[in-house]
Structure formats: C-alpha cells, structure tokens
Amino acid sequence: LLDKIPNEILLKKSFDDLFGENINHHLPSYLIVIYKFFGLWLISIGLLIFNYVYITRLGTQSSRISFYLVLLIILTGIYFLVFKFIPTSPFVTILYLLTILFLTSLYFSFKLEE
C-alpha cells in the first residue's frame, strides 16, 4: 500500500489493528472492490477525455477554455483533498507533476492558432 503511513495518521489507527478486529474481517475485500471500481471509473473518464480531444482537437478557443476550466476545478479539488486529509502522502509529488503538465498544456494551447 503506497500511502499506508498517511492513511494510518489520518485514521489514528494502524492497519493491523483495523483489519484485526472481528467486525472488519471483510474490509480488505470491500476496499479492493471499491478501489477497482474507482480505477475503472478513472480509466473510463480518461478515455472519454482522450477521445474528445482526439476528435475535436480542441479546435476553438471556447472549447479549450471550458476544457481547462473543468480540469482546473478538478485539480483544485484534488489539492484540497490531499492537503486536508493526507498531506504526508507520496501522491503530493504526483500532484505537483500534474500541475506542471496542466500549466504546460495551458500555455501551449494559447499558442495555437485558430
């Protein structure tokens, strides 16, 4: 588990204690299903975005602005969740990388000619 330590800090309980209690016997299986569903959801949304970008090439200024506005809202929400609940997570580095990629894409999208 990549972010085990930040999650244990958030829960104020070790995973061994959490999964060791009798009532939480099936919790690991439940979490696996939830994470698989979440992963499928992320992949599906990503494929839809890639397909939209491929087909439209974001040809108009208004489509680029609306697309980047939605991505900015999503990125801001991720920043809020990560820094509020798991600030010691190794995913913070990935979040910074995503921000750099977002800003790079935004910069070059304004360089495109209509």
N, C-alpha and C. Protein backbone atom coordinates (compact mmCIF):
# COMPACT_ATOMS: atom_id res chain seq x y z
N LEU A 1 0.86 -1.17 0.00
CA LEU A 1 0.00 0.00 0.00
C LEU A 1 0.90 1.23 0.00
N LEU A 2 0.81 2.02 -1.04
CA LEU A 2 1.73 3.14 -1.24
C LEU A 2 1.57 4.24 -0.19
N ASP A 3 0.35 4.54 0.20
CA ASP A 3 0.13 5.61 1.16
C ASP A 3 -0.37 5.09 2.51
N LYS A 4 0.20 3.99 2.96
CA LYS A 4 -0.21 3.36 4.22
C LYS A 4 0.02 4.28 5.41
N ILE A 5 1.20 4.86 5.51
CA ILE A 5 1.53 5.69 6.66
C ILE A 5 0.63 6.93 6.75
N PRO A 6 0.42 7.69 5.65
CA PRO A 6 -0.51 8.84 5.77
C PRO A 6 -1.93 8.43 6.14
N ASN A 7 -2.37 7.29 5.64
CA ASN A 7 -3.71 6.83 5.99
C ASN A 7 -3.80 6.42 7.45
N GLU A 8 -2.75 5.81 7.98
CA GLU A 8 -2.75 5.44 9.39
C GLU A 8 -2.75 6.69 10.27
N ILE A 9 -2.05 7.74 9.84
CA ILE A 9 -2.07 9.00 10.58
C ILE A 9 -3.47 9.60 10.56
N LEU A 10 -4.12 9.56 9.39
CA LEU A 10 -5.48 10.09 9.25
C LEU A 10 -6.47 9.32 10.12
N LEU A 11 -6.37 7.99 10.10
CA LEU A 11 -7.29 7.14 10.86
C LEU A 11 -6.95 7.07 12.34
N LYS A 12 -5.71 7.43 12.70
CA LYS A 12 -5.21 7.31 14.07
C LYS A 12 -5.30 5.88 14.57
N LYS A 13 -5.06 4.95 13.65
CA LYS A 13 -5.11 3.53 13.98
C LYS A 13 -4.30 2.78 12.93
N SER A 14 -3.55 1.78 13.34
CA SER A 14 -2.75 1.03 12.36
C SER A 14 -3.67 0.10 11.56
N PHE A 15 -3.21 -0.24 10.37
CA PHE A 15 -3.99 -1.14 9.53
C PHE A 15 -4.11 -2.52 10.16
N ASP A 16 -3.08 -2.94 10.86
CA ASP A 16 -3.14 -4.25 11.53
C ASP A 16 -4.24 -4.27 12.57
N ASP A 17 -4.36 -3.18 13.36
CA ASP A 17 -5.43 -3.10 14.36
C ASP A 17 -6.80 -3.02 13.67
N LEU A 18 -6.86 -2.23 12.60
CA LEU A 18 -8.13 -2.04 11.90
C LEU A 18 -8.63 -3.33 11.28
N PHE A 19 -7.75 -4.04 10.58
CA PHE A 19 -8.16 -5.27 9.91
C PHE A 19 -8.22 -6.46 10.88
N GLY A 20 -7.60 -6.32 12.04
CA GLY A 20 -7.59 -7.42 13.00
C GLY A 20 -8.89 -7.57 13.78
N GLU A 21 -9.66 -6.50 13.87
CA GLU A 21 -10.92 -6.59 14.61
C GLU A 21 -11.92 -7.44 13.85
N ASN A 22 -12.71 -8.16 14.58
CA ASN A 22 -13.64 -9.15 14.01
C ASN A 22 -14.67 -8.51 13.09
N ILE A 23 -15.15 -7.33 13.46
CA ILE A 23 -16.19 -6.69 12.65
C ILE A 23 -15.65 -6.27 11.27
N ASN A 24 -14.35 -6.06 11.18
CA ASN A 24 -13.73 -5.61 9.93
C ASN A 24 -13.10 -6.75 9.15
N HIS A 25 -13.57 -7.96 9.36
CA HIS A 25 -12.98 -9.13 8.73
C HIS A 25 -12.97 -9.04 7.20
N HIS A 26 -14.05 -8.54 6.61
CA HIS A 26 -14.17 -8.47 5.15
C HIS A 26 -13.82 -7.09 4.59
N LEU A 27 -13.33 -6.20 5.45
CA LEU A 27 -12.99 -4.85 5.00
C LEU A 27 -11.94 -4.83 3.89
N PRO A 28 -10.86 -5.63 3.95
CA PRO A 28 -9.90 -5.61 2.84
C PRO A 28 -10.52 -5.97 1.50
N SER A 29 -11.41 -6.95 1.48
CA SER A 29 -12.07 -7.33 0.22
C SER A 29 -12.96 -6.21 -0.30
N TYR A 30 -13.65 -5.56 0.62
CA TYR A 30 -14.52 -4.44 0.25
C TYR A 30 -13.69 -3.30 -0.33
N LEU A 31 -12.57 -2.99 0.31
CA LEU A 31 -11.72 -1.91 -0.18
C LEU A 31 -11.14 -2.22 -1.55
N ILE A 32 -10.80 -3.47 -1.79
CA ILE A 32 -10.28 -3.87 -3.11
C ILE A 32 -11.33 -3.63 -4.19
N VAL A 33 -12.57 -4.01 -3.90
CA VAL A 33 -13.64 -3.79 -4.88
C VAL A 33 -13.86 -2.31 -5.13
N ILE A 34 -13.87 -1.50 -4.06
CA ILE A 34 -14.07 -0.06 -4.20
C ILE A 34 -12.94 0.55 -5.03
N TYR A 35 -11.68 0.16 -4.73
CA TYR A 35 -10.55 0.70 -5.49
C TYR A 35 -10.58 0.25 -6.95
N LYS A 36 -11.00 -0.96 -7.22
CA LYS A 36 -11.10 -1.41 -8.61
C LYS A 36 -12.17 -0.62 -9.35
N PHE A 37 -13.31 -0.37 -8.70
CA PHE A 37 -14.36 0.43 -9.30
C PHE A 37 -13.86 1.85 -9.56
N PHE A 38 -13.17 2.42 -8.58
CA PHE A 38 -12.64 3.76 -8.73
C PHE A 38 -11.62 3.82 -9.87
N GLY A 39 -10.77 2.82 -9.98
CA GLY A 39 -9.81 2.75 -11.07
C GLY A 39 -10.48 2.64 -12.43
N LEU A 40 -11.52 1.82 -12.51
CA LEU A 40 -12.27 1.69 -13.76
C LEU A 40 -12.93 3.01 -14.13
N TRP A 41 -13.47 3.69 -13.12
CA TRP A 41 -14.11 4.98 -13.36
C TRP A 41 -13.08 5.98 -13.89
N LEU A 42 -11.90 6.04 -13.28
CA LEU A 42 -10.86 6.96 -13.73
C LEU A 42 -10.40 6.66 -15.15
N ILE A 43 -10.21 5.39 -15.45
CA ILE A 43 -9.79 5.00 -16.79
C ILE A 43 -10.87 5.35 -17.81
N SER A 44 -12.12 5.13 -17.46
CA SER A 44 -13.23 5.44 -18.37
C SER A 44 -13.29 6.94 -18.66
N ILE A 45 -13.22 7.75 -17.62
CA ILE A 45 -13.26 9.20 -17.81
C ILE A 45 -12.05 9.66 -18.62
N GLY A 46 -10.89 9.10 -18.33
CA GLY A 46 -9.68 9.44 -19.08
C GLY A 46 -9.81 9.10 -20.55
N LEU A 47 -10.35 7.93 -20.85
CA LEU A 47 -10.55 7.54 -22.25
C LEU A 47 -11.54 8.45 -22.96
N LEU A 48 -12.59 8.84 -22.25
CA LEU A 48 -13.56 9.77 -22.84
C LEU A 48 -12.90 11.11 -23.15
N ILE A 49 -12.08 11.60 -22.24
CA ILE A 49 -11.38 12.87 -22.47
C ILE A 49 -10.43 12.75 -23.65
N PHE A 50 -9.63 11.67 -23.67
CA PHE A 50 -8.70 11.49 -24.80
C PHE A 50 -9.44 11.40 -26.12
N ASN A 51 -10.56 10.69 -26.12
CA ASN A 51 -11.36 10.56 -27.34
C ASN A 51 -11.91 11.91 -27.78
N TYR A 52 -12.41 12.69 -26.86
CA TYR A 52 -12.94 14.01 -27.18
C TYR A 52 -11.84 14.91 -27.75
N VAL A 53 -10.68 14.90 -27.09
CA VAL A 53 -9.58 15.73 -27.55
C VAL A 53 -9.11 15.27 -28.93
N TYR A 54 -9.04 13.97 -29.15
CA TYR A 54 -8.59 13.44 -30.43
C TYR A 54 -9.54 13.83 -31.56
N ILE A 55 -10.83 13.73 -31.31
CA ILE A 55 -11.81 14.01 -32.36
C ILE A 55 -11.91 15.51 -32.63
N THR A 56 -11.99 16.31 -31.59
CA THR A 56 -12.21 17.75 -31.81
C THR A 56 -10.92 18.53 -31.96
N ARG A 57 -9.83 17.97 -31.49
CA ARG A 57 -8.53 18.66 -31.46
C ARG A 57 -8.64 19.99 -30.71
N LEU A 58 -9.70 20.14 -29.92
CA LEU A 58 -9.96 21.37 -29.19
C LEU A 58 -9.76 22.58 -30.10
N GLY A 59 -10.45 22.53 -31.22
CA GLY A 59 -10.22 23.47 -32.30
C GLY A 59 -10.64 24.90 -32.03
N THR A 60 -11.54 25.13 -31.12
CA THR A 60 -11.97 26.51 -30.87
C THR A 60 -11.46 26.99 -29.52
N GLN A 61 -11.34 28.29 -29.42
CA GLN A 61 -10.86 28.89 -28.17
C GLN A 61 -11.83 28.59 -27.03
N SER A 62 -13.13 28.63 -27.29
CA SER A 62 -14.11 28.39 -26.22
C SER A 62 -14.06 26.94 -25.73
N SER A 63 -13.80 26.00 -26.64
CA SER A 63 -13.71 24.60 -26.19
C SER A 63 -12.47 24.39 -25.32
N ARG A 64 -11.38 25.06 -25.68
CA ARG A 64 -10.16 24.94 -24.87
C ARG A 64 -10.37 25.56 -23.49
N ILE A 65 -10.99 26.73 -23.46
CA ILE A 65 -11.20 27.41 -22.18
C ILE A 65 -12.10 26.59 -21.27
N SER A 66 -13.20 26.06 -21.82
CA SER A 66 -14.11 25.26 -20.98
C SER A 66 -13.43 23.97 -20.52
N PHE A 67 -12.64 23.35 -21.37
CA PHE A 67 -11.93 22.13 -21.03
C PHE A 67 -10.93 22.39 -19.89
N TYR A 68 -10.16 23.46 -20.03
CA TYR A 68 -9.18 23.78 -19.00
C TYR A 68 -9.83 24.27 -17.71
N LEU A 69 -10.97 24.89 -17.80
CA LEU A 69 -11.68 25.30 -16.59
C LEU A 69 -12.12 24.08 -15.78
N VAL A 70 -12.65 23.08 -16.47
CA VAL A 70 -13.05 21.84 -15.79
C VAL A 70 -11.84 21.15 -15.17
N LEU A 71 -10.74 21.08 -15.91
CA LEU A 71 -9.52 20.47 -15.37
C LEU A 71 -8.99 21.25 -14.17
N LEU A 72 -9.09 22.58 -14.20
CA LEU A 72 -8.64 23.39 -13.08
C LEU A 72 -9.50 23.13 -11.83
N ILE A 73 -10.79 23.00 -12.01
CA ILE A 73 -11.68 22.70 -10.88
C ILE A 73 -11.33 21.34 -10.29
N ILE A 74 -11.11 20.35 -11.15
CA ILE A 74 -10.74 19.01 -10.68
C ILE A 74 -9.40 19.04 -9.94
N LEU A 75 -8.41 19.72 -10.50
CA LEU A 75 -7.10 19.82 -9.88
C LEU A 75 -7.16 20.54 -8.54
N THR A 76 -7.96 21.59 -8.45
CA THR A 76 -8.14 22.32 -7.19
C THR A 76 -8.79 21.42 -6.14
N GLY A 77 -9.78 20.64 -6.54
CA GLY A 77 -10.42 19.71 -5.62
C GLY A 77 -9.46 18.66 -5.11
N ILE A 78 -8.59 18.16 -6.00
CA ILE A 78 -7.61 17.17 -5.59
C ILE A 78 -6.62 17.79 -4.60
N TYR A 79 -6.18 19.02 -4.88
CA TYR A 79 -5.28 19.71 -3.94
C TYR A 79 -5.93 19.83 -2.57
N PHE A 80 -7.19 20.23 -2.53
CA PHE A 80 -7.89 20.38 -1.26
C PHE A 80 -7.94 19.05 -0.50
N LEU A 81 -8.35 17.99 -1.19
CA LEU A 81 -8.47 16.70 -0.52
C LEU A 81 -7.13 16.17 -0.03
N VAL A 82 -6.11 16.29 -0.86
CA VAL A 82 -4.80 15.75 -0.48
C VAL A 82 -4.23 16.52 0.71
N PHE A 83 -4.22 17.85 0.64
CA PHE A 83 -3.59 18.63 1.71
C PHE A 83 -4.44 18.71 2.97
N LYS A 84 -5.74 18.48 2.87
CA LYS A 84 -6.58 18.47 4.07
C LYS A 84 -6.51 17.13 4.79
N PHE A 85 -6.50 16.03 4.04
CA PHE A 85 -6.63 14.72 4.67
C PHE A 85 -5.34 13.90 4.69
N ILE A 86 -4.53 13.97 3.66
CA ILE A 86 -3.30 13.15 3.63
C ILE A 86 -2.11 13.97 3.13
N PRO A 87 -1.71 15.01 3.89
CA PRO A 87 -0.62 15.87 3.42
C PRO A 87 0.74 15.19 3.37
N THR A 88 0.91 14.06 4.04
CA THR A 88 2.19 13.36 4.01
C THR A 88 2.22 12.26 2.96
N SER A 89 1.23 12.21 2.11
CA SER A 89 1.14 11.17 1.09
C SER A 89 2.21 11.34 0.01
N PRO A 90 2.71 10.23 -0.52
CA PRO A 90 3.64 10.34 -1.64
C PRO A 90 2.97 10.84 -2.92
N PHE A 91 1.66 10.90 -2.93
CA PHE A 91 0.94 11.39 -4.10
C PHE A 91 1.07 12.90 -4.27
N VAL A 92 1.60 13.60 -3.27
CA VAL A 92 1.80 15.05 -3.39
C VAL A 92 2.76 15.35 -4.55
N THR A 93 3.79 14.54 -4.69
CA THR A 93 4.74 14.71 -5.78
C THR A 93 4.04 14.54 -7.13
N ILE A 94 3.18 13.55 -7.23
CA ILE A 94 2.42 13.33 -8.47
C ILE A 94 1.50 14.51 -8.74
N LEU A 95 0.94 15.07 -7.68
CA LEU A 95 0.07 16.23 -7.82
C LEU A 95 0.83 17.43 -8.38
N TYR A 96 2.05 17.63 -7.91
CA TYR A 96 2.88 18.71 -8.46
C TYR A 96 3.20 18.46 -9.93
N LEU A 97 3.47 17.22 -10.28
CA LEU A 97 3.74 16.87 -11.67
C LEU A 97 2.51 17.14 -12.54
N LEU A 98 1.34 16.76 -12.05
CA LEU A 98 0.10 17.03 -12.79
C LEU A 98 -0.11 18.53 -13.00
N THR A 99 0.24 19.33 -11.99
CA THR A 99 0.10 20.78 -12.11
C THR A 99 1.04 21.33 -13.18
N ILE A 100 2.26 20.83 -13.20
CA ILE A 100 3.22 21.27 -14.23
C ILE A 100 2.71 20.89 -15.62
N LEU A 101 2.19 19.67 -15.76
CA LEU A 101 1.65 19.24 -17.06
C LEU A 101 0.44 20.09 -17.46
N PHE A 102 -0.41 20.40 -16.50
CA PHE A 102 -1.58 21.23 -16.76
C PHE A 102 -1.16 22.62 -17.24
N LEU A 103 -0.22 23.23 -16.52
CA LEU A 103 0.22 24.57 -16.90
C LEU A 103 0.93 24.58 -18.25
N THR A 104 1.72 23.54 -18.53
CA THR A 104 2.39 23.43 -19.82
C THR A 104 1.37 23.31 -20.95
N SER A 105 0.38 22.47 -20.75
CA SER A 105 -0.67 22.30 -21.75
C SER A 105 -1.45 23.59 -21.95
N LEU A 106 -1.76 24.26 -20.86
CA LEU A 106 -2.49 25.52 -20.94
C LEU A 106 -1.69 26.56 -21.70
N TYR A 107 -0.42 26.66 -21.41
CA TYR A 107 0.45 27.63 -22.09
C TYR A 107 0.48 27.38 -23.60
N PHE A 108 0.71 26.12 -23.98
CA PHE A 108 0.82 25.84 -25.41
C PHE A 108 -0.53 25.87 -26.12
N SER A 109 -1.62 25.71 -25.39
CA SER A 109 -2.93 25.81 -26.05
C SER A 109 -3.22 27.24 -26.46
N PHE A 110 -2.68 28.21 -25.71
CA PHE A 110 -2.85 29.60 -26.12
C PHE A 110 -1.93 29.99 -27.26
N LYS A 111 -0.92 29.18 -27.51
CA LYS A 111 -0.02 29.41 -28.63
C LYS A 111 -0.60 28.89 -29.95
N LEU A 112 -1.64 28.08 -29.85
CA LEU A 112 -2.26 27.52 -31.08
C LEU A 112 -2.95 28.63 -31.85
N GLU A 113 -2.92 28.49 -33.15
CA GLU A 113 -3.64 29.43 -34.00
C GLU A 113 -5.04 28.88 -34.24
N GLU A 114 -5.98 29.76 -34.40
CA GLU A 114 -7.37 29.36 -34.65
C GLU A 114 -7.50 28.68 -35.99
